[in-house]
């Protein structure tokens, strides 16, 4: 099982012009960590944000739409990944 932890609400913006195409680009990303149950420690990474996506609040999330089956049965990663907050477990009732 994989979870994404958003570490900061700060959004880092990178802008420029592609040397190949000559088109302007804007990249928006947040600092994050990938928690994988098969790994001992989380790995720091950058979480990409779409143009109109609001920044995520710090916390734990799961990816809502990670994979789809494309044409001819090929497995594909969804282009615009969406995070869903991990619900905190309610404490067990005292008996």
PDB file of N, CA and C in Angstrom:
ATOM      1  N   UNK A   1       0.850  -1.184   0.000  1.00  0.00           N
ATOM      2  CA  UNK A   1       0.000   0.000   0.000  1.00  0.00           C
ATOM      3  C   UNK A   1       0.889   1.239   0.000  1.00  0.00           C
ATOM      4  N   UNK A   2       0.543   2.187  -0.810  1.00  0.00           N
ATOM      5  CA  UNK A   2       1.295   3.429  -0.883  1.00  0.00           C
ATOM      6  C   UNK A   2       0.434   4.590  -0.425  1.00  0.00           C
ATOM      7  N   UNK A   3       1.078   5.497   0.300  1.00  0.00           N
ATOM      8  CA  UNK A   3       0.429   6.736   0.728  1.00  0.00           C
ATOM      9  C   UNK A   3       1.374   7.882   0.394  1.00  0.00           C
ATOM     10  N   UNK A   4       0.785   9.036   0.144  1.00  0.00           N
ATOM     11  CA  UNK A   4       1.553  10.251  -0.110  1.00  0.00           C
ATOM     12  C   UNK A   4       1.357  11.176   1.086  1.00  0.00           C
ATOM     13  N   UNK A   5       2.456  11.666   1.635  1.00  0.00           N
ATOM     14  CA  UNK A   5       2.379  12.650   2.710  1.00  0.00           C
ATOM     15  C   UNK A   5       2.788  14.008   2.142  1.00  0.00           C
ATOM     16  N   UNK A   6       1.873  14.953   2.175  1.00  0.00           N
ATOM     17  CA  UNK A   6       2.199  16.318   1.767  1.00  0.00           C
ATOM     18  C   UNK A   6       2.885  16.963   2.966  1.00  0.00           C
ATOM     19  N   UNK A   7       4.105  17.444   2.764  1.00  0.00           N
ATOM     20  CA  UNK A   7       4.925  17.951   3.862  1.00  0.00           C
ATOM     21  C   UNK A   7       4.711  19.428   4.141  1.00  0.00           C
ATOM     22  N   UNK A   8       4.302  20.183   3.128  1.00  0.00           N
ATOM     23  CA  UNK A   8       4.163  21.631   3.278  1.00  0.00           C
ATOM     24  C   UNK A   8       3.071  22.128   2.328  1.00  0.00           C
ATOM     25  N   UNK A   9       2.352  23.174   2.746  1.00  0.00           N
ATOM     26  CA  UNK A   9       1.332  23.773   1.879  1.00  0.00           C
ATOM     27  C   UNK A   9       1.960  24.683   0.823  1.00  0.00           C
ATOM     28  N   UNK A  10       3.237  24.960   0.962  1.00  0.00           N
ATOM     29  CA  UNK A  10       3.937  25.844   0.015  1.00  0.00           C
ATOM     30  C   UNK A  10       3.999  25.206  -1.372  1.00  0.00           C
ATOM     31  N   UNK A  11       3.731  26.017  -2.388  1.00  0.00           N
ATOM     32  CA  UNK A  11       3.795  25.561  -3.775  1.00  0.00           C
ATOM     33  C   UNK A  11       5.023  26.181  -4.436  1.00  0.00           C
ATOM     34  N   UNK A  12       5.846  25.333  -5.014  1.00  0.00           N
ATOM     35  CA  UNK A  12       7.031  25.790  -5.739  1.00  0.00           C
ATOM     36  C   UNK A  12       6.645  25.898  -7.216  1.00  0.00           C
ATOM     37  N   UNK A  13       6.937  27.042  -7.823  1.00  0.00           N
ATOM     38  CA  UNK A  13       6.569  27.294  -9.216  1.00  0.00           C
ATOM     39  C   UNK A  13       7.837  27.470 -10.039  1.00  0.00           C
ATOM     40  N   UNK A  14       7.908  26.736 -11.145  1.00  0.00           N
ATOM     41  CA  UNK A  14       9.020  26.863 -12.089  1.00  0.00           C
ATOM     42  C   UNK A  14       8.427  27.274 -13.428  1.00  0.00           C
ATOM     43  N   UNK A  15       8.958  28.349 -13.996  1.00  0.00           N
ATOM     44  CA  UNK A  15       8.472  28.831 -15.288  1.00  0.00           C
ATOM     45  C   UNK A  15       9.643  28.943 -16.250  1.00  0.00           C
ATOM     46  N   UNK A  16       9.346  28.774 -17.513  1.00  0.00           N
ATOM     47  CA  UNK A  16      10.394  28.912 -18.515  1.00  0.00           C
ATOM     48  C   UNK A  16       9.845  28.722 -19.909  1.00  0.00           C
ATOM     49  N   UNK A  17      10.775  28.586 -20.829  1.00  0.00           N
ATOM     50  CA  UNK A  17      10.438  28.349 -22.226  1.00  0.00           C
ATOM     51  C   UNK A  17      11.192  27.105 -22.663  1.00  0.00           C
ATOM     52  N   UNK A  18      10.479  26.164 -23.254  1.00  0.00           N
ATOM     53  CA  UNK A  18      11.082  24.917 -23.709  1.00  0.00           C
ATOM     54  C   UNK A  18      12.083  25.187 -24.820  1.00  0.00           C
ATOM     55  N   UNK A  19      13.291  24.656 -24.649  1.00  0.00           N
ATOM     56  CA  UNK A  19      14.312  24.820 -25.672  1.00  0.00           C
ATOM     57  C   UNK A  19      13.935  24.067 -26.945  1.00  0.00           C
ATOM     58  N   UNK A  20      13.204  22.971 -26.789  1.00  0.00           N
ATOM     59  CA  UNK A  20      12.820  22.155 -27.943  1.00  0.00           C
ATOM     60  C   UNK A  20      11.687  22.772 -28.742  1.00  0.00           C
ATOM     61  N   UNK A  21      10.595  23.123 -28.031  1.00  0.00           N
ATOM     62  CA  UNK A  21       9.398  23.583 -28.736  1.00  0.00           C
ATOM     63  C   UNK A  21       9.249  25.103 -28.783  1.00  0.00           C
ATOM     64  N   UNK A  22       9.954  25.804 -27.889  1.00  0.00           N
ATOM     65  CA  UNK A  22       9.825  27.253 -27.827  1.00  0.00           C
ATOM     66  C   UNK A  22       8.572  27.719 -27.101  1.00  0.00           C
ATOM     67  N   UNK A  23       7.824  26.773 -26.525  1.00  0.00           N
ATOM     68  CA  UNK A  23       6.594  27.120 -25.812  1.00  0.00           C
ATOM     69  C   UNK A  23       6.878  27.383 -24.335  1.00  0.00           C
ATOM     70  N   UNK A  24       6.133  28.328 -23.778  1.00  0.00           N
ATOM     71  CA  UNK A  24       6.260  28.637 -22.354  1.00  0.00           C
ATOM     72  C   UNK A  24       5.641  27.507 -21.531  1.00  0.00           C
ATOM     73  N   UNK A  25       6.210  27.271 -20.333  1.00  0.00           N
ATOM     74  CA  UNK A  25       5.646  26.261 -19.445  1.00  0.00           C
ATOM     75  C   UNK A  25       5.651  26.768 -18.014  1.00  0.00           C
ATOM     76  N   UNK A  26       4.770  26.202 -17.201  1.00  0.00           N
ATOM     77  CA  UNK A  26       4.699  26.485 -15.768  1.00  0.00           C
ATOM     78  C   UNK A  26       4.544  25.146 -15.058  1.00  0.00           C
ATOM     79  N   UNK A  27       5.442  24.853 -14.131  1.00  0.00           N
ATOM     80  CA  UNK A  27       5.368  23.641 -13.326  1.00  0.00           C
ATOM     81  C   UNK A  27       5.100  24.043 -11.889  1.00  0.00           C
ATOM     82  N   UNK A  28       4.089  23.423 -11.280  1.00  0.00           N
ATOM     83  CA  UNK A  28       3.751  23.700  -9.880  1.00  0.00           C
ATOM     84  C   UNK A  28       3.880  22.395  -9.116  1.00  0.00           C
ATOM     85  N   UNK A  29       4.539  22.444  -7.948  1.00  0.00           N
ATOM     86  CA  UNK A  29       4.719  21.228  -7.171  1.00  0.00           C
ATOM     87  C   UNK A  29       4.826  21.521  -5.682  1.00  0.00           C
ATOM     88  N   UNK A  30       4.507  20.493  -4.887  1.00  0.00           N
ATOM     89  CA  UNK A  30       4.610  20.579  -3.434  1.00  0.00           C
ATOM     90  C   UNK A  30       5.589  19.513  -2.952  1.00  0.00           C
ATOM     91  N   UNK A  31       6.252  19.786  -1.816  1.00  0.00           N
ATOM     92  CA  UNK A  31       7.130  18.794  -1.200  1.00  0.00           C
ATOM     93  C   UNK A  31       6.277  17.689  -0.602  1.00  0.00           C
ATOM     94  N   UNK A  32       6.691  16.453  -0.834  1.00  0.00           N
ATOM     95  CA  UNK A  32       5.915  15.306  -0.378  1.00  0.00           C
ATOM     96  C   UNK A  32       6.855  14.166  -0.016  1.00  0.00           C
ATOM     97  N   UNK A  33       6.280  13.083   0.499  1.00  0.00           N
ATOM     98  CA  UNK A  33       7.023  11.861   0.781  1.00  0.00           C
ATOM     99  C   UNK A  33       6.139  10.679   0.401  1.00  0.00           C
ATOM    100  N   UNK A  34       6.741   9.680  -0.233  1.00  0.00           N
ATOM    101  CA  UNK A  34       6.035   8.462  -0.597  1.00  0.00           C
ATOM    102  C   UNK A  34       6.258   7.435   0.507  1.00  0.00           C
ATOM    103  N   UNK A  35       5.166   6.988   1.121  1.00  0.00           N
ATOM    104  CA  UNK A  35       5.215   5.937   2.136  1.00  0.00           C
ATOM    105  C   UNK A  35       4.761   4.651   1.458  1.00  0.00           C
ATOM    106  N   UNK A  36       5.663   3.685   1.369  1.00  0.00           N
ATOM    107  CA  UNK A  36       5.368   2.405   0.723  1.00  0.00           C
ATOM    108  C   UNK A  36       5.536   1.312   1.765  1.00  0.00           C
ATOM    109  N   UNK A  37       4.531   0.472   1.912  1.00  0.00           N
ATOM    110  CA  UNK A  37       4.582  -0.570   2.948  1.00  0.00           C
ATOM    111  C   UNK A  37       5.739  -1.546   2.729  1.00  0.00           C
ATOM    112  N   UNK A  38       6.302  -1.594   1.533  1.00  0.00           N
ATOM    113  CA  UNK A  38       7.431  -2.486   1.274  1.00  0.00           C
ATOM    114  C   UNK A  38       8.782  -1.832   1.572  1.00  0.00           C
ATOM    115  N   UNK A  39       8.767  -0.555   1.936  1.00  0.00           N
ATOM    116  CA  UNK A  39      10.003   0.186   2.228  1.00  0.00           C
ATOM    117  C   UNK A  39      10.084   0.516   3.713  1.00  0.00           C
ATOM    118  N   UNK A  40      11.288   0.545   4.256  1.00  0.00           N
ATOM    119  CA  UNK A  40      11.480   0.846   5.675  1.00  0.00           C
ATOM    120  C   UNK A  40      11.220   2.324   5.979  1.00  0.00           C
ATOM    121  N   UNK A  41      11.659   3.205   5.079  1.00  0.00           N
ATOM    122  CA  UNK A  41      11.532   4.651   5.298  1.00  0.00           C
ATOM    123  C   UNK A  41      10.813   5.300   4.125  1.00  0.00           C
ATOM    124  N   UNK A  42      10.099   6.400   4.379  1.00  0.00           N
ATOM    125  CA  UNK A  42       9.474   7.132   3.265  1.00  0.00           C
ATOM    126  C   UNK A  42      10.541   7.798   2.395  1.00  0.00           C
ATOM    127  N   UNK A  43      10.204   8.016   1.121  1.00  0.00           N
ATOM    128  CA  UNK A  43      11.129   8.674   0.196  1.00  0.00           C
ATOM    129  C   UNK A  43      10.577  10.038  -0.170  1.00  0.00           C
ATOM    130  N   UNK A  44      11.409  11.069  -0.003  1.00  0.00           N
ATOM    131  CA  UNK A  44      10.970  12.419  -0.355  1.00  0.00           C
ATOM    132  C   UNK A  44      10.818  12.536  -1.865  1.00  0.00           C
ATOM    133  N   UNK A  45       9.822  13.326  -2.268  1.00  0.00           N
ATOM    134  CA  UNK A  45       9.548  13.515  -3.683  1.00  0.00           C
ATOM    135  C   UNK A  45       8.826  14.846  -3.870  1.00  0.00           C
ATOM    136  N   UNK A  46       8.491  15.159  -5.085  1.00  0.00           N
ATOM    137  CA  UNK A  46       7.730  16.356  -5.429  1.00  0.00           C
ATOM    138  C   UNK A  46       6.374  15.898  -5.938  1.00  0.00           C
ATOM    139  N   UNK A  47       5.284  16.529  -5.466  1.00  0.00           N
ATOM    140  CA  UNK A  47       3.943  16.203  -5.945  1.00  0.00           C
ATOM    141  C   UNK A  47       3.532  17.261  -6.960  1.00  0.00           C
ATOM    142  N   UNK A  48       3.296  16.861  -8.217  1.00  0.00           N
ATOM    143  CA  UNK A  48       2.920  17.844  -9.244  1.00  0.00           C
ATOM    144  C   UNK A  48       1.485  18.318  -9.067  1.00  0.00           C
ATOM    145  N   UNK A  49       1.274  19.598  -9.263  1.00  0.00           N
ATOM    146  CA  UNK A  49      -0.071  20.176  -9.204  1.00  0.00           C
ATOM    147  C   UNK A  49      -0.456  20.659 -10.590  1.00  0.00           C
ATOM    148  N   UNK A  50      -1.675  20.379 -10.998  1.00  0.00           N
ATOM    149  CA  UNK A  50      -2.169  20.881 -12.268  1.00  0.00           C
ATOM    150  C   UNK A  50      -2.337  22.386 -12.212  1.00  0.00           C
ATOM    151  N   UNK A  51      -2.580  22.974 -13.339  1.00  0.00           N
ATOM    152  CA  UNK A  51      -2.686  24.431 -13.463  1.00  0.00           C
ATOM    153  C   UNK A  51      -3.720  25.022 -12.508  1.00  0.00           C
ATOM    154  N   UNK A  52      -4.886  24.415 -12.405  1.00  0.00           N
ATOM    155  CA  UNK A  52      -5.971  24.974 -11.605  1.00  0.00           C
ATOM    156  C   UNK A  52      -6.220  24.212 -10.301  1.00  0.00           C
ATOM    157  N   UNK A  53      -5.291  23.371  -9.897  1.00  0.00           N
ATOM    158  CA  UNK A  53      -5.464  22.567  -8.684  1.00  0.00           C
ATOM    159  C   UNK A  53      -4.984  23.365  -7.476  1.00  0.00           C
ATOM    160  N   UNK A  54      -5.843  23.422  -6.439  1.00  0.00           N
ATOM    161  CA  UNK A  54      -5.459  24.105  -5.204  1.00  0.00           C
ATOM    162  C   UNK A  54      -4.424  23.273  -4.470  1.00  0.00           C
ATOM    163  N   UNK A  55      -3.512  23.924  -3.741  1.00  0.00           N
ATOM    164  CA  UNK A  55      -2.515  23.168  -2.978  1.00  0.00           C
ATOM    165  C   UNK A  55      -3.190  22.277  -1.941  1.00  0.00           C
ATOM    166  N   UNK A  56      -2.573  21.130  -1.687  1.00  0.00           N
ATOM    167  CA  UNK A  56      -3.066  20.223  -0.657  1.00  0.00           C
ATOM    168  C   UNK A  56      -2.541  20.673   0.700  1.00  0.00           C
ATOM    169  N   UNK A  57      -3.352  20.491   1.736  1.00  0.00           N
ATOM    170  CA  UNK A  57      -2.916  20.766   3.104  1.00  0.00           C
ATOM    171  C   UNK A  57      -1.952  19.664   3.525  1.00  0.00           C
ATOM    172  N   UNK A  58      -0.988  19.970   4.393  1.00  0.00           N
ATOM    173  CA  UNK A  58      -0.100  18.922   4.879  1.00  0.00           C
ATOM    174  C   UNK A  58      -0.915  17.780   5.501  1.00  0.00           C
ATOM    175  N   UNK A  59      -0.488  16.557   5.249  1.00  0.00           N
ATOM    176  CA  UNK A  59      -1.167  15.387   5.790  1.00  0.00           C
ATOM    177  C   UNK A  59      -0.974  14.175   4.897  1.00  0.00           C
ATOM    178  N   UNK A  60      -1.629  13.070   5.277  1.00  0.00           N
ATOM    179  CA  UNK A  60      -1.515  11.799   4.551  1.00  0.00           C
ATOM    180  C   UNK A  60      -2.666  11.648   3.561  1.00  0.00           C
ATOM    181  N   UNK A  61      -2.330  11.131   2.379  1.00  0.00           N
ATOM    182  CA  UNK A  61      -3.298  10.955   1.302  1.00  0.00           C
ATOM    183  C   UNK A  61      -3.052   9.628   0.586  1.00  0.00           C
ATOM    184  N   UNK A  62      -4.066   9.189  -0.142  1.00  0.00           N
ATOM    185  CA  UNK A  62      -3.911   8.089  -1.090  1.00  0.00           C
ATOM    186  C   UNK A  62      -4.261   8.650  -2.465  1.00  0.00           C
ATOM    187  N   UNK A  63      -3.755   8.015  -3.505  1.00  0.00           N
ATOM    188  CA  UNK A  63      -4.029   8.456  -4.869  1.00  0.00           C
ATOM    189  C   UNK A  63      -5.369   7.870  -5.293  1.00  0.00           C
ATOM    190  N   UNK A  64      -6.292   8.736  -5.708  1.00  0.00           N
ATOM    191  CA  UNK A  64      -7.654   8.318  -6.039  1.00  0.00           C
ATOM    192  C   UNK A  64      -7.741   7.606  -7.383  1.00  0.00           C
ATOM    193  N   UNK A  65      -6.927   7.997  -8.342  1.00  0.00           N
ATOM    194  CA  UNK A  65      -7.067   7.477  -9.706  1.00  0.00           C
ATOM    195  C   UNK A  65      -5.703   7.093 -10.292  1.00  0.00           C
ATOM    196  N   UNK A  66      -4.980   6.165  -9.652  1.00  0.00           N
ATOM    197  CA  UNK A  66      -3.611   5.926 -10.089  1.00  0.00           C
ATOM    198  C   UNK A  66      -3.452   5.255 -11.450  1.00  0.00           C
ATOM    199  N   UNK A  67      -4.284   4.273 -11.769  1.00  0.00           N
ATOM    200  CA  UNK A  67      -4.092   3.517 -13.003  1.00  0.00           C
ATOM    201  C   UNK A  67      -5.406   3.325 -13.738  1.00  0.00           C
ATOM    202  N   UNK A  68      -5.306   3.242 -15.049  1.00  0.00           N
ATOM    203  CA  UNK A  68      -6.461   2.923 -15.882  1.00  0.00           C
ATOM    204  C   UNK A  68      -6.009   1.912 -16.925  1.00  0.00           C
ATOM    205  N   UNK A  69      -6.960   1.267 -17.553  1.00  0.00           N
ATOM    206  CA  UNK A  69      -6.652   0.368 -18.658  1.00  0.00           C
ATOM    207  C   UNK A  69      -6.974   1.126 -19.937  1.00  0.00           C
ATOM    208  N   UNK A  70      -5.967   1.277 -20.765  1.00  0.00           N
ATOM    209  CA  UNK A  70      -6.120   2.060 -21.989  1.00  0.00           C
ATOM    210  C   UNK A  70      -6.498   1.215 -23.183  1.00  0.00           C
ATOM    211  N   UNK A  71      -6.321   1.795 -24.349  1.00  0.00           N
ATOM    212  CA  UNK A  71      -6.606   1.104 -25.607  1.00  0.00           C
ATOM    213  C   UNK A  71      -5.776  -0.178 -25.697  1.00  0.00           C
ATOM    214  N   UNK A  72      -6.368  -1.187 -26.225  1.00  0.00           N
ATOM    215  CA  UNK A  72      -5.695  -2.463 -26.447  1.00  0.00           C
ATOM    216  C   UNK A  72      -5.246  -3.134 -25.150  1.00  0.00           C
ATOM    217  N   UNK A  73      -5.885  -2.765 -24.006  1.00  0.00           N
ATOM    218  CA  UNK A  73      -5.614  -3.428 -22.734  1.00  0.00           C
ATOM    219  C   UNK A  73      -4.331  -3.014 -22.042  1.00  0.00           C
ATOM    220  N   UNK A  74      -3.712  -1.931 -22.467  1.00  0.00           N
ATOM    221  CA  UNK A  74      -2.457  -1.504 -21.839  1.00  0.00           C
ATOM    222  C   UNK A  74      -2.745  -0.746 -20.541  1.00  0.00           C
ATOM    223  N   UNK A  75      -1.905  -0.950 -19.539  1.00  0.00           N
ATOM    224  CA  UNK A  75      -2.028  -0.274 -18.250  1.00  0.00           C
ATOM    225  C   UNK A  75      -1.406   1.109 -18.358  1.00  0.00           C
ATOM    226  N   UNK A  76      -2.143   2.141 -17.897  1.00  0.00           N
ATOM    227  CA  UNK A  76      -1.660   3.509 -18.018  1.00  0.00           C
ATOM    228  C   UNK A  76      -1.843   4.254 -16.712  1.00  0.00           C
ATOM    229  N   UNK A  77      -0.931   5.183 -16.441  1.00  0.00           N
ATOM    230  CA  UNK A  77      -1.040   6.070 -15.277  1.00  0.00           C
ATOM    231  C   UNK A  77      -1.912   7.248 -15.691  1.00  0.00           C
ATOM    232  N   UNK A  78      -2.843   7.607 -14.833  1.00  0.00           N
ATOM    233  CA  UNK A  78      -3.714   8.743 -15.117  1.00  0.00           C
ATOM    234  C   UNK A  78      -2.872  10.010 -15.163  1.00  0.00           C
ATOM    235  N   UNK A  79      -3.124  10.885 -16.108  1.00  0.00           N
ATOM    236  CA  UNK A  79      -2.318  12.095 -16.276  1.00  0.00           C
ATOM    237  C   UNK A  79      -2.443  13.059 -15.097  1.00  0.00           C
ATOM    238  N   UNK A  80      -3.669  13.323 -14.656  1.00  0.00           N
ATOM    239  CA  UNK A  80      -3.899  14.248 -13.547  1.00  0.00           C
ATOM    240  C   UNK A  80      -4.241  13.454 -12.291  1.00  0.00           C
ATOM    241  N   UNK A  81      -3.227  13.169 -11.494  1.00  0.00           N
ATOM    242  CA  UNK A  81      -3.440  12.404 -10.275  1.00  0.00           C
ATOM    243  C   UNK A  81      -4.150  13.250  -9.229  1.00  0.00           C
ATOM    244  N   UNK A  82      -5.060  12.636  -8.500  1.00  0.00           N
ATOM    245  CA  UNK A  82      -5.848  13.318  -7.473  1.00  0.00           C
ATOM    246  C   UNK A  82      -5.604  12.636  -6.137  1.00  0.00           C
ATOM    247  N   UNK A  83      -5.389  13.433  -5.086  1.00  0.00           N
ATOM    248  CA  UNK A  83      -5.179  12.882  -3.747  1.00  0.00           C
ATOM    249  C   UNK A  83      -6.461  12.949  -2.931  1.00  0.00           C
ATOM    250  N   UNK A  84      -6.682  11.909  -2.121  1.00  0.00           N
ATOM    251  CA  UNK A  84      -7.823  11.838  -1.216  1.00  0.00           C
ATOM    252  C   UNK A  84      -7.255  11.669   0.194  1.00  0.00           C
ATOM    253  N   UNK A  85      -7.694  12.509   1.156  1.00  0.00           N
ATOM    254  CA  UNK A  85      -7.155  12.402   2.520  1.00  0.00           C
ATOM    255  C   UNK A  85      -7.407  11.023   3.116  1.00  0.00           C
ATOM    256  N   UNK A  86      -6.419  10.541   3.869  1.00  0.00           N
ATOM    257  CA  UNK A  86      -6.578   9.295   4.607  1.00  0.00           C
ATOM    258  C   UNK A  86      -7.357   9.635   5.863  1.00  0.00           C
ATOM    259  N   UNK A  87      -8.457   8.935   6.072  1.00  0.00           N
ATOM    260  CA  UNK A  87      -9.277   9.219   7.252  1.00  0.00           C
ATOM    261  C   UNK A  87      -8.591   8.659   8.496  1.00  0.00           C
ATOM    262  N   UNK A  88      -8.566   9.497   9.542  1.00  0.00           N
ATOM    263  CA  UNK A  88      -7.990   9.036  10.804  1.00  0.00           C
ATOM    264  C   UNK A  88      -8.929   8.016  11.409  1.00  0.00           C
ATOM    265  N   UNK A  89      -8.367   6.948  11.947  1.00  0.00           N
ATOM    266  CA  UNK A  89      -9.190   5.928  12.567  1.00  0.00           C
ATOM    267  C   UNK A  89      -9.718   6.424  13.910  1.00  0.00           C
ATOM    268  N   UNK A  90     -10.976   6.172  14.153  1.00  0.00           N
ATOM    269  CA  UNK A  90     -11.584   6.565  15.434  1.00  0.00           C
ATOM    270  C   UNK A  90     -11.059   5.644  16.527  1.00  0.00           C
ATOM    271  N   UNK A  91     -10.804   6.192  17.724  1.00  0.00           N
ATOM    272  CA  UNK A  91     -10.319   5.342  18.807  1.00  0.00           C
ATOM    273  C   UNK A  91     -11.363   4.295  19.168  1.00  0.00           C
ATOM    274  N   UNK A  92     -10.883   3.116  19.566  1.00  0.00           N
ATOM    275  CA  UNK A  92     -11.789   2.027  19.938  1.00  0.00           C
ATOM    276  C   UNK A  92     -12.573   2.421  21.187  1.00  0.00           C
ATOM    277  N   UNK A  93     -13.837   2.056  21.212  1.00  0.00           N
ATOM    278  CA  UNK A  93     -14.693   2.391  22.354  1.00  0.00           C
ATOM    279  C   UNK A  93     -14.264   1.600  23.579  1.00  0.00           C
ATOM    280  N   UNK A  94     -14.263   2.259  24.721  1.00  0.00           N
ATOM    281  CA  UNK A  94     -13.896   1.590  25.975  1.00  0.00           C
ATOM    282  C   UNK A  94     -15.029   0.677  26.401  1.00  0.00           C
ATOM    283  N   UNK A  95     -14.679  -0.482  26.930  1.00  0.00           N
ATOM    284  CA  UNK A  95     -15.711  -1.436  27.364  1.00  0.00           C
ATOM    285  C   UNK A  95     -15.835  -1.442  28.844  1.00  0.00           C
TER     286      UNK A  95
END
